[in-house]
N, C-alpha and C. Protein backbone atom coordinates (compact mmCIF):
# COMPACT_ATOMS: atom_id res chain seq x y z
N MET A 1 37.01 72.95 55.55
CA MET A 1 36.48 72.07 54.52
C MET A 1 36.77 70.61 54.81
N PRO A 2 38.00 70.23 55.27
CA PRO A 2 38.27 68.83 55.55
C PRO A 2 37.37 68.27 56.67
N GLN A 3 37.04 69.11 57.62
CA GLN A 3 36.18 68.64 58.71
C GLN A 3 34.79 68.31 58.17
N PHE A 4 34.27 69.14 57.28
CA PHE A 4 32.98 68.89 56.66
C PHE A 4 33.02 67.60 55.84
N LEU A 5 34.11 67.36 55.15
CA LEU A 5 34.27 66.16 54.34
C LEU A 5 34.31 64.92 55.22
N VAL A 6 34.97 64.98 56.34
CA VAL A 6 35.04 63.85 57.27
C VAL A 6 33.66 63.54 57.85
N ILE A 7 32.94 64.56 58.24
CA ILE A 7 31.60 64.37 58.80
C ILE A 7 30.67 63.78 57.74
N THR A 8 30.77 64.29 56.53
CA THR A 8 29.93 63.79 55.44
C THR A 8 30.25 62.33 55.14
N LEU A 9 31.52 61.98 55.08
CA LEU A 9 31.92 60.59 54.82
C LEU A 9 31.46 59.67 55.95
N LEU A 10 31.58 60.13 57.18
CA LEU A 10 31.14 59.34 58.32
C LEU A 10 29.63 59.13 58.26
N PHE A 11 28.90 60.19 57.95
CA PHE A 11 27.45 60.11 57.84
C PHE A 11 27.04 59.16 56.73
N LEU A 12 27.66 59.24 55.56
CA LEU A 12 27.35 58.35 54.45
C LEU A 12 27.74 56.91 54.74
N SER A 13 28.83 56.72 55.44
CA SER A 13 29.24 55.36 55.74
C SER A 13 28.27 54.67 56.68
N LEU A 14 27.63 55.42 57.59
CA LEU A 14 26.65 54.83 58.48
C LEU A 14 25.41 54.38 57.71
N PHE A 15 25.00 55.20 56.73
CA PHE A 15 23.81 54.83 55.96
C PHE A 15 24.07 53.74 54.95
N THR A 16 25.25 53.63 54.46
CA THR A 16 25.55 52.64 53.43
C THR A 16 26.25 51.40 53.98
N SER A 17 26.45 51.34 55.27
CA SER A 17 27.20 50.22 55.84
C SER A 17 26.39 48.93 55.89
N GLY A 18 25.10 49.01 55.78
CA GLY A 18 24.28 47.81 55.84
C GLY A 18 23.93 47.41 57.26
N TYR A 19 24.29 48.23 58.23
CA TYR A 19 23.96 47.91 59.60
C TYR A 19 22.45 48.01 59.79
N ARG A 20 21.90 47.00 60.41
CA ARG A 20 20.51 47.08 60.80
C ARG A 20 20.35 46.50 62.18
N LYS A 21 19.33 46.95 62.82
CA LYS A 21 19.05 46.50 64.16
C LYS A 21 18.74 45.00 64.13
N PRO A 22 19.31 44.23 65.01
CA PRO A 22 19.05 42.78 64.99
C PRO A 22 17.58 42.47 65.25
N ASP A 23 17.11 41.41 64.60
CA ASP A 23 15.73 40.99 64.80
C ASP A 23 15.56 40.44 66.21
N VAL A 24 14.44 40.78 66.78
CA VAL A 24 14.10 40.28 68.11
C VAL A 24 12.95 39.31 67.93
N TYR A 25 13.12 38.11 68.42
CA TYR A 25 12.07 37.11 68.30
C TYR A 25 10.99 37.40 69.33
N VAL A 26 9.80 37.57 68.83
CA VAL A 26 8.66 37.85 69.70
C VAL A 26 7.74 36.64 69.68
N ILE A 27 7.42 36.14 70.84
CA ILE A 27 6.50 35.02 70.93
C ILE A 27 5.08 35.59 70.86
N ASP A 28 4.38 35.19 69.83
CA ASP A 28 3.02 35.67 69.61
C ASP A 28 2.09 34.46 69.58
N ALA A 29 1.39 34.25 70.67
CA ALA A 29 0.53 33.06 70.80
C ALA A 29 -0.56 33.05 69.74
N THR A 30 -1.09 34.22 69.40
CA THR A 30 -2.15 34.28 68.39
C THR A 30 -1.63 33.80 67.04
N LYS A 31 -0.45 34.26 66.67
CA LYS A 31 0.14 33.84 65.40
C LYS A 31 0.45 32.35 65.43
N ASN A 32 0.97 31.87 66.54
CA ASN A 32 1.27 30.46 66.65
C ASN A 32 0.00 29.60 66.61
N ALA A 33 -1.08 30.10 67.19
CA ALA A 33 -2.36 29.38 67.13
C ALA A 33 -2.82 29.26 65.69
N TYR A 34 -2.68 30.33 64.95
CA TYR A 34 -3.05 30.33 63.54
C TYR A 34 -2.23 29.29 62.77
N LEU A 35 -0.94 29.22 63.07
CA LEU A 35 -0.07 28.24 62.40
C LEU A 35 -0.49 26.81 62.75
N HIS A 36 -0.82 26.57 64.01
CA HIS A 36 -1.27 25.22 64.41
C HIS A 36 -2.60 24.87 63.75
N ASN A 37 -3.48 25.84 63.63
CA ASN A 37 -4.75 25.58 62.94
C ASN A 37 -4.48 25.20 61.48
N ASN A 38 -3.59 25.93 60.83
CA ASN A 38 -3.27 25.61 59.44
C ASN A 38 -2.64 24.22 59.31
N MET A 39 -1.80 23.87 60.26
CA MET A 39 -1.21 22.53 60.25
C MET A 39 -2.30 21.48 60.43
N GLY A 40 -3.26 21.77 61.30
CA GLY A 40 -4.38 20.85 61.49
C GLY A 40 -5.20 20.69 60.21
N LEU A 41 -5.38 21.77 59.48
CA LEU A 41 -6.11 21.68 58.21
C LEU A 41 -5.35 20.85 57.18
N ARG A 42 -4.04 20.98 57.20
CA ARG A 42 -3.22 20.13 56.30
C ARG A 42 -3.39 18.66 56.65
N TYR A 43 -3.34 18.38 57.95
CA TYR A 43 -3.53 16.99 58.37
C TYR A 43 -4.92 16.48 57.99
N MET A 44 -5.92 17.35 58.09
CA MET A 44 -7.27 16.94 57.68
C MET A 44 -7.29 16.57 56.20
N ASN A 45 -6.64 17.38 55.37
CA ASN A 45 -6.59 17.09 53.94
C ASN A 45 -5.88 15.77 53.65
N GLU A 46 -4.93 15.42 54.50
CA GLU A 46 -4.19 14.17 54.33
C GLU A 46 -4.86 13.01 55.08
N ARG A 47 -6.01 13.28 55.66
CA ARG A 47 -6.78 12.30 56.42
C ARG A 47 -6.03 11.76 57.65
N LEU A 48 -5.24 12.61 58.25
CA LEU A 48 -4.56 12.28 59.50
C LEU A 48 -5.32 12.98 60.63
N TYR A 49 -6.46 12.41 60.97
CA TYR A 49 -7.41 13.10 61.83
C TYR A 49 -6.93 13.26 63.27
N TYR A 50 -6.26 12.27 63.81
CA TYR A 50 -5.78 12.40 65.19
C TYR A 50 -4.79 13.56 65.29
N ALA A 51 -3.86 13.63 64.36
CA ALA A 51 -2.89 14.73 64.36
C ALA A 51 -3.59 16.07 64.18
N ALA A 52 -4.59 16.10 63.31
CA ALA A 52 -5.34 17.34 63.08
C ALA A 52 -6.03 17.80 64.36
N ILE A 53 -6.67 16.87 65.05
CA ILE A 53 -7.37 17.21 66.28
C ILE A 53 -6.40 17.77 67.32
N GLN A 54 -5.23 17.16 67.41
CA GLN A 54 -4.23 17.64 68.37
C GLN A 54 -3.76 19.05 68.02
N GLU A 55 -3.57 19.32 66.74
CA GLU A 55 -3.15 20.67 66.31
C GLU A 55 -4.23 21.70 66.64
N PHE A 56 -5.49 21.34 66.41
CA PHE A 56 -6.58 22.27 66.72
C PHE A 56 -6.65 22.52 68.23
N LYS A 57 -6.42 21.49 69.02
CA LYS A 57 -6.43 21.67 70.49
C LYS A 57 -5.30 22.59 70.93
N ILE A 58 -4.14 22.45 70.30
CA ILE A 58 -3.02 23.35 70.61
C ILE A 58 -3.40 24.78 70.25
N ALA A 59 -4.02 24.96 69.09
CA ALA A 59 -4.43 26.30 68.67
C ALA A 59 -5.39 26.92 69.68
N ILE A 60 -6.32 26.12 70.18
CA ILE A 60 -7.27 26.63 71.17
C ILE A 60 -6.55 27.02 72.46
N SER A 61 -5.60 26.19 72.89
CA SER A 61 -4.90 26.50 74.14
C SER A 61 -4.02 27.74 74.01
N LEU A 62 -3.51 28.01 72.81
CA LEU A 62 -2.69 29.20 72.61
C LEU A 62 -3.52 30.48 72.47
N ASN A 63 -4.74 30.34 72.00
CA ASN A 63 -5.55 31.53 71.73
C ASN A 63 -6.99 31.28 72.17
N PRO A 64 -7.22 31.16 73.48
CA PRO A 64 -8.59 30.89 73.95
C PRO A 64 -9.45 32.14 73.96
N ASP A 65 -10.73 31.93 73.90
CA ASP A 65 -11.71 33.01 74.09
C ASP A 65 -11.63 34.14 73.09
N THR A 66 -11.44 33.80 71.82
CA THR A 66 -11.51 34.80 70.77
C THR A 66 -12.42 34.29 69.66
N GLN A 67 -12.69 35.15 68.72
CA GLN A 67 -13.51 34.74 67.59
C GLN A 67 -12.81 33.65 66.79
N ALA A 68 -11.50 33.73 66.67
CA ALA A 68 -10.74 32.72 65.94
C ALA A 68 -10.84 31.36 66.62
N THR A 69 -10.98 31.34 67.92
CA THR A 69 -11.10 30.08 68.65
C THR A 69 -12.32 29.30 68.20
N ALA A 70 -13.37 30.00 67.81
CA ALA A 70 -14.57 29.34 67.31
C ALA A 70 -14.25 28.52 66.07
N VAL A 71 -13.39 29.05 65.23
CA VAL A 71 -12.98 28.32 64.02
C VAL A 71 -12.26 27.03 64.42
N TYR A 72 -11.39 27.12 65.40
CA TYR A 72 -10.64 25.95 65.83
C TYR A 72 -11.57 24.88 66.41
N TYR A 73 -12.55 25.32 67.22
CA TYR A 73 -13.53 24.37 67.75
C TYR A 73 -14.30 23.70 66.62
N ASN A 74 -14.74 24.49 65.66
CA ASN A 74 -15.50 23.94 64.54
C ASN A 74 -14.65 22.94 63.76
N ASN A 75 -13.38 23.23 63.61
CA ASN A 75 -12.49 22.31 62.89
C ASN A 75 -12.35 20.98 63.64
N ILE A 76 -12.29 21.04 64.96
CA ILE A 76 -12.25 19.80 65.74
C ILE A 76 -13.52 18.99 65.49
N GLY A 77 -14.65 19.66 65.52
CA GLY A 77 -15.92 18.99 65.25
C GLY A 77 -15.93 18.35 63.87
N ASP A 78 -15.42 19.06 62.88
CA ASP A 78 -15.34 18.51 61.52
C ASP A 78 -14.48 17.26 61.47
N ALA A 79 -13.38 17.28 62.21
CA ALA A 79 -12.48 16.11 62.23
C ALA A 79 -13.19 14.91 62.86
N TYR A 80 -13.87 15.14 63.97
CA TYR A 80 -14.59 14.03 64.61
C TYR A 80 -15.72 13.51 63.72
N MET A 81 -16.41 14.39 63.03
CA MET A 81 -17.48 13.95 62.12
C MET A 81 -16.88 13.15 60.96
N ALA A 82 -15.71 13.54 60.50
CA ALA A 82 -15.09 12.85 59.38
C ALA A 82 -14.72 11.41 59.73
N ILE A 83 -14.41 11.17 61.00
CA ILE A 83 -14.05 9.81 61.39
C ILE A 83 -15.23 9.06 62.01
N GLY A 84 -16.40 9.68 61.98
CA GLY A 84 -17.61 8.97 62.42
C GLY A 84 -17.88 9.02 63.91
N TYR A 85 -17.48 10.09 64.57
CA TYR A 85 -17.73 10.25 66.00
C TYR A 85 -18.54 11.52 66.28
N PRO A 86 -19.83 11.52 65.90
CA PRO A 86 -20.61 12.73 66.15
C PRO A 86 -20.79 13.04 67.63
N ASP A 87 -20.70 12.02 68.49
CA ASP A 87 -20.82 12.26 69.92
C ASP A 87 -19.66 13.11 70.44
N LEU A 88 -18.47 12.93 69.86
CA LEU A 88 -17.33 13.76 70.24
C LEU A 88 -17.34 15.11 69.53
N ALA A 89 -18.02 15.20 68.41
CA ALA A 89 -18.09 16.45 67.65
C ALA A 89 -19.08 17.44 68.27
N ARG A 90 -20.02 16.93 69.01
CA ARG A 90 -21.09 17.77 69.54
C ARG A 90 -20.58 18.93 70.38
N LYS A 91 -19.75 18.65 71.38
CA LYS A 91 -19.27 19.71 72.27
C LYS A 91 -18.43 20.75 71.52
N PRO A 92 -17.49 20.36 70.66
CA PRO A 92 -16.76 21.40 69.92
C PRO A 92 -17.67 22.28 69.05
N TYR A 93 -18.68 21.68 68.43
CA TYR A 93 -19.62 22.48 67.64
C TYR A 93 -20.39 23.46 68.52
N GLU A 94 -20.84 22.97 69.67
CA GLU A 94 -21.57 23.85 70.59
C GLU A 94 -20.65 24.95 71.12
N ASP A 95 -19.40 24.60 71.40
CA ASP A 95 -18.44 25.61 71.87
C ASP A 95 -18.15 26.65 70.79
N ALA A 96 -18.13 26.23 69.54
CA ALA A 96 -17.90 27.18 68.44
C ALA A 96 -19.02 28.21 68.41
N ILE A 97 -20.25 27.76 68.59
CA ILE A 97 -21.38 28.70 68.58
C ILE A 97 -21.35 29.60 69.81
N LYS A 98 -20.97 29.05 70.95
CA LYS A 98 -20.87 29.88 72.16
C LYS A 98 -19.79 30.95 71.98
N GLN A 99 -18.71 30.58 71.32
CA GLN A 99 -17.60 31.50 71.14
C GLN A 99 -17.94 32.60 70.14
N TYR A 100 -18.60 32.22 69.04
CA TYR A 100 -18.99 33.22 68.03
C TYR A 100 -20.29 32.75 67.40
N SER A 101 -21.36 33.41 67.73
CA SER A 101 -22.69 32.92 67.35
C SER A 101 -23.21 33.48 66.03
N LEU A 102 -22.39 34.16 65.26
CA LEU A 102 -22.88 34.75 64.03
C LEU A 102 -22.33 34.09 62.77
N ASN A 103 -21.82 32.88 62.89
CA ASN A 103 -21.34 32.16 61.72
C ASN A 103 -22.34 31.05 61.41
N PHE A 104 -22.97 31.15 60.26
CA PHE A 104 -24.03 30.22 59.87
C PHE A 104 -23.51 28.79 59.72
N GLN A 105 -22.28 28.64 59.28
CA GLN A 105 -21.70 27.31 59.08
C GLN A 105 -21.69 26.51 60.38
N TYR A 106 -21.44 27.18 61.49
CA TYR A 106 -21.42 26.49 62.78
C TYR A 106 -22.78 25.89 63.11
N TYR A 107 -23.84 26.62 62.80
CA TYR A 107 -25.19 26.11 63.04
C TYR A 107 -25.50 24.93 62.13
N GLN A 108 -25.08 25.03 60.87
CA GLN A 108 -25.30 23.91 59.95
C GLN A 108 -24.59 22.66 60.43
N ASP A 109 -23.35 22.82 60.86
CA ASP A 109 -22.58 21.67 61.34
C ASP A 109 -23.21 21.06 62.58
N LEU A 110 -23.66 21.91 63.50
CA LEU A 110 -24.28 21.40 64.73
C LEU A 110 -25.59 20.68 64.41
N ALA A 111 -26.38 21.21 63.49
CA ALA A 111 -27.64 20.54 63.11
C ALA A 111 -27.36 19.17 62.51
N LYS A 112 -26.34 19.06 61.67
CA LYS A 112 -25.97 17.75 61.10
C LYS A 112 -25.51 16.79 62.18
N CYS A 113 -24.79 17.32 63.15
CA CYS A 113 -24.31 16.50 64.27
C CYS A 113 -25.49 15.98 65.09
N TYR A 114 -26.44 16.86 65.42
CA TYR A 114 -27.62 16.43 66.16
C TYR A 114 -28.39 15.37 65.39
N LYS A 115 -28.50 15.55 64.09
CA LYS A 115 -29.19 14.57 63.26
C LYS A 115 -28.46 13.22 63.31
N ALA A 116 -27.14 13.25 63.21
CA ALA A 116 -26.35 12.01 63.24
C ALA A 116 -26.47 11.31 64.60
N LEU A 117 -26.66 12.08 65.65
CA LEU A 117 -26.81 11.51 66.99
C LEU A 117 -28.24 11.07 67.29
N GLY A 118 -29.17 11.40 66.41
CA GLY A 118 -30.57 11.07 66.65
C GLY A 118 -31.23 12.00 67.65
N LEU A 119 -30.67 13.19 67.82
CA LEU A 119 -31.20 14.14 68.79
C LEU A 119 -32.04 15.25 68.15
N ALA A 120 -32.28 15.16 66.86
CA ALA A 120 -32.95 16.26 66.16
C ALA A 120 -34.33 16.54 66.74
N ASN A 121 -35.13 15.52 66.97
CA ASN A 121 -36.48 15.74 67.50
C ASN A 121 -36.46 16.34 68.90
N ALA A 122 -35.56 15.85 69.74
CA ALA A 122 -35.46 16.39 71.10
C ALA A 122 -35.00 17.85 71.08
N LYS A 123 -34.08 18.16 70.21
CA LYS A 123 -33.59 19.54 70.11
C LYS A 123 -34.64 20.46 69.50
N ILE A 124 -35.45 19.92 68.58
CA ILE A 124 -36.54 20.72 68.02
C ILE A 124 -37.50 21.12 69.14
N LYS A 125 -37.84 20.20 70.01
CA LYS A 125 -38.73 20.51 71.14
C LYS A 125 -38.07 21.55 72.06
N GLU A 126 -36.79 21.36 72.31
CA GLU A 126 -36.07 22.28 73.20
C GLU A 126 -36.01 23.68 72.62
N TYR A 127 -35.64 23.80 71.36
CA TYR A 127 -35.47 25.12 70.75
C TYR A 127 -36.80 25.76 70.35
N SER A 128 -37.87 24.99 70.27
CA SER A 128 -39.18 25.57 69.97
C SER A 128 -39.67 26.45 71.12
N LYS A 129 -39.26 26.12 72.33
CA LYS A 129 -39.66 26.88 73.51
C LYS A 129 -38.78 28.11 73.73
N ASP A 130 -37.63 28.14 73.09
CA ASP A 130 -36.65 29.21 73.30
C ASP A 130 -37.03 30.48 72.55
N THR A 131 -36.79 31.63 73.17
CA THR A 131 -37.13 32.90 72.53
C THR A 131 -35.91 33.59 71.92
N ASN A 132 -34.73 33.04 72.11
CA ASN A 132 -33.51 33.62 71.54
C ASN A 132 -33.59 33.55 70.02
N ALA A 133 -33.39 34.67 69.36
CA ALA A 133 -33.52 34.74 67.90
C ALA A 133 -32.53 33.82 67.20
N LEU A 134 -31.30 33.74 67.69
CA LEU A 134 -30.29 32.90 67.03
C LEU A 134 -30.61 31.41 67.15
N ASN A 135 -31.33 31.04 68.20
CA ASN A 135 -31.73 29.63 68.32
C ASN A 135 -32.78 29.26 67.27
N LYS A 136 -33.45 30.26 66.73
CA LYS A 136 -34.40 30.01 65.64
C LYS A 136 -33.65 29.52 64.40
N VAL A 137 -32.41 29.98 64.23
CA VAL A 137 -31.60 29.51 63.10
C VAL A 137 -31.38 28.01 63.23
N LEU A 138 -30.96 27.59 64.41
CA LEU A 138 -30.73 26.17 64.62
C LEU A 138 -32.04 25.38 64.52
N LEU A 139 -33.11 25.93 65.02
CA LEU A 139 -34.41 25.26 64.93
C LEU A 139 -34.80 25.04 63.47
N GLY A 140 -34.68 26.07 62.65
CA GLY A 140 -34.99 25.93 61.23
C GLY A 140 -34.12 24.90 60.55
N LEU A 141 -32.84 24.90 60.87
CA LEU A 141 -31.92 23.91 60.28
C LEU A 141 -32.25 22.50 60.73
N LEU A 142 -32.68 22.35 61.98
CA LEU A 142 -33.05 21.02 62.46
C LEU A 142 -34.28 20.49 61.73
N TYR A 143 -35.24 21.36 61.47
CA TYR A 143 -36.41 20.94 60.69
C TYR A 143 -35.97 20.51 59.29
N VAL A 144 -35.08 21.27 58.67
CA VAL A 144 -34.60 20.92 57.33
C VAL A 144 -33.86 19.58 57.37
N GLU A 145 -33.00 19.39 58.36
CA GLU A 145 -32.27 18.12 58.50
C GLU A 145 -33.22 16.95 58.73
N ASN A 146 -34.33 17.23 59.40
CA ASN A 146 -35.32 16.18 59.68
C ASN A 146 -36.23 15.90 58.49
N GLY A 147 -36.10 16.67 57.43
CA GLY A 147 -36.89 16.44 56.24
C GLY A 147 -38.10 17.34 56.10
N ASP A 148 -38.38 18.16 57.10
CA ASP A 148 -39.51 19.09 57.03
C ASP A 148 -38.99 20.42 56.47
N LEU A 149 -38.73 20.41 55.15
CA LEU A 149 -38.09 21.55 54.50
C LEU A 149 -38.93 22.82 54.59
N LYS A 150 -40.22 22.71 54.35
CA LYS A 150 -41.08 23.89 54.33
C LYS A 150 -41.13 24.57 55.70
N ARG A 151 -41.30 23.77 56.73
CA ARG A 151 -41.36 24.35 58.08
C ARG A 151 -40.02 25.00 58.44
N GLY A 152 -38.92 24.35 58.07
CA GLY A 152 -37.60 24.91 58.32
C GLY A 152 -37.40 26.23 57.61
N ILE A 153 -37.84 26.29 56.35
CA ILE A 153 -37.72 27.53 55.56
C ILE A 153 -38.54 28.65 56.20
N ILE A 154 -39.74 28.32 56.66
CA ILE A 154 -40.60 29.34 57.28
C ILE A 154 -39.92 29.92 58.53
N ILE A 155 -39.38 29.06 59.36
CA ILE A 155 -38.72 29.53 60.59
C ILE A 155 -37.50 30.37 60.24
N LEU A 156 -36.70 29.92 59.28
CA LEU A 156 -35.53 30.70 58.88
C LEU A 156 -35.93 32.03 58.26
N ASP A 157 -36.99 32.03 57.49
CA ASP A 157 -37.46 33.28 56.89
C ASP A 157 -37.97 34.24 57.96
N GLU A 158 -38.65 33.72 58.96
CA GLU A 158 -39.09 34.57 60.08
C GLU A 158 -37.89 35.19 60.78
N PHE A 159 -36.83 34.39 60.92
CA PHE A 159 -35.61 34.92 61.53
C PHE A 159 -35.06 36.07 60.72
N THR A 160 -34.98 35.91 59.39
CA THR A 160 -34.40 36.97 58.55
C THR A 160 -35.26 38.23 58.60
N MET A 161 -36.55 38.07 58.76
CA MET A 161 -37.43 39.24 58.84
C MET A 161 -37.27 39.95 60.19
N SER A 162 -37.09 39.17 61.26
CA SER A 162 -37.00 39.78 62.59
C SER A 162 -35.60 40.33 62.89
N GLU A 163 -34.58 39.79 62.23
CA GLU A 163 -33.18 40.22 62.48
C GLU A 163 -32.48 40.54 61.16
N PRO A 164 -32.91 41.58 60.45
CA PRO A 164 -32.34 41.83 59.12
C PRO A 164 -30.91 42.38 59.14
N HIS A 165 -30.45 42.89 60.27
CA HIS A 165 -29.15 43.55 60.30
C HIS A 165 -28.02 42.73 60.91
N LEU A 166 -28.29 41.50 61.30
CA LEU A 166 -27.24 40.66 61.86
C LEU A 166 -26.33 40.15 60.75
N LEU A 167 -25.08 39.88 61.08
CA LEU A 167 -24.12 39.38 60.09
C LEU A 167 -24.54 38.03 59.52
N ILE A 168 -25.19 37.24 60.30
CA ILE A 168 -25.56 35.89 59.88
C ILE A 168 -26.75 35.89 58.91
N THR A 169 -27.51 36.95 58.87
CA THR A 169 -28.75 36.99 58.11
C THR A 169 -28.53 36.77 56.61
N GLY A 170 -27.49 37.34 56.05
CA GLY A 170 -27.20 37.16 54.63
C GLY A 170 -26.97 35.70 54.27
N ALA A 171 -26.24 34.99 55.11
CA ALA A 171 -25.98 33.57 54.87
C ALA A 171 -27.28 32.75 55.00
N VAL A 172 -28.12 33.14 55.93
CA VAL A 172 -29.40 32.44 56.10
C VAL A 172 -30.27 32.64 54.86
N LYS A 173 -30.30 33.87 54.35
CA LYS A 173 -31.08 34.15 53.14
C LYS A 173 -30.58 33.32 51.96
N GLN A 174 -29.26 33.21 51.82
CA GLN A 174 -28.69 32.41 50.74
C GLN A 174 -29.07 30.94 50.90
N TYR A 175 -29.03 30.45 52.11
CA TYR A 175 -29.41 29.06 52.39
C TYR A 175 -30.88 28.83 52.04
N ILE A 176 -31.71 29.80 52.38
CA ILE A 176 -33.14 29.69 52.06
C ILE A 176 -33.33 29.57 50.55
N LYS A 177 -32.64 30.42 49.79
CA LYS A 177 -32.74 30.37 48.32
C LYS A 177 -32.34 29.00 47.78
N GLU A 178 -31.22 28.47 48.29
CA GLU A 178 -30.74 27.16 47.82
C GLU A 178 -31.72 26.05 48.19
N THR A 179 -32.28 26.11 49.38
CA THR A 179 -33.21 25.09 49.82
C THR A 179 -34.52 25.16 49.04
N VAL A 180 -34.98 26.37 48.75
CA VAL A 180 -36.19 26.53 47.95
C VAL A 180 -35.97 25.94 46.54
N LYS A 181 -34.79 26.13 45.98
CA LYS A 181 -34.48 25.54 44.68
C LYS A 181 -34.56 24.01 44.75
N LYS A 182 -34.07 23.43 45.86
CA LYS A 182 -34.17 21.98 46.04
C LYS A 182 -35.61 21.53 46.11
N ILE A 183 -36.42 22.28 46.85
CA ILE A 183 -37.84 21.93 46.98
C ILE A 183 -38.52 21.99 45.61
N ASN A 184 -38.23 23.02 44.85
CA ASN A 184 -38.86 23.19 43.53
C ASN A 184 -38.40 22.16 42.52
N SER A 185 -37.20 21.62 42.71
CA SER A 185 -36.71 20.61 41.77
C SER A 185 -37.24 19.22 42.10
N LEU A 186 -37.83 19.05 43.28
CA LEU A 186 -38.37 17.74 43.66
C LEU A 186 -39.64 17.43 42.97
């Protein structure tokens, strides 16, 4: 009986001693990229654009070639647009679309950038010849940015009819509804 009592006490003391395996610090570049992106967003809110851009660049270098990287590129473009440099915003916006082409916001931002650069008409000609369905999204947005709302809506509507199952299609449909409301209120 005493041997059983000793074993039981030893067993209970191990469970109640509070011993736990020490934490091991793991370097996770993806998590760190996310943290740098969040820091960049904070800087954007505080209007510290240079610091924000640097944080977004760090995030991209820590986590390149993923869907999340597209967000970081788009954020850099937003920062450059906020300080009035659409020429510097162009490449990050284009890179965001190359990285992940199913986010409608990226197309809207790029269309606004092209408009600010005075490239809308040239890009309309370029994308009119293109057969890629996703480029029709940008084409429609460029027409809307250029003031040809009806033509832009038609192109976007054709896109939604030809590609009803893409992730971006729902956002395009919502945009069409909002734009039609604007047209009707004019």
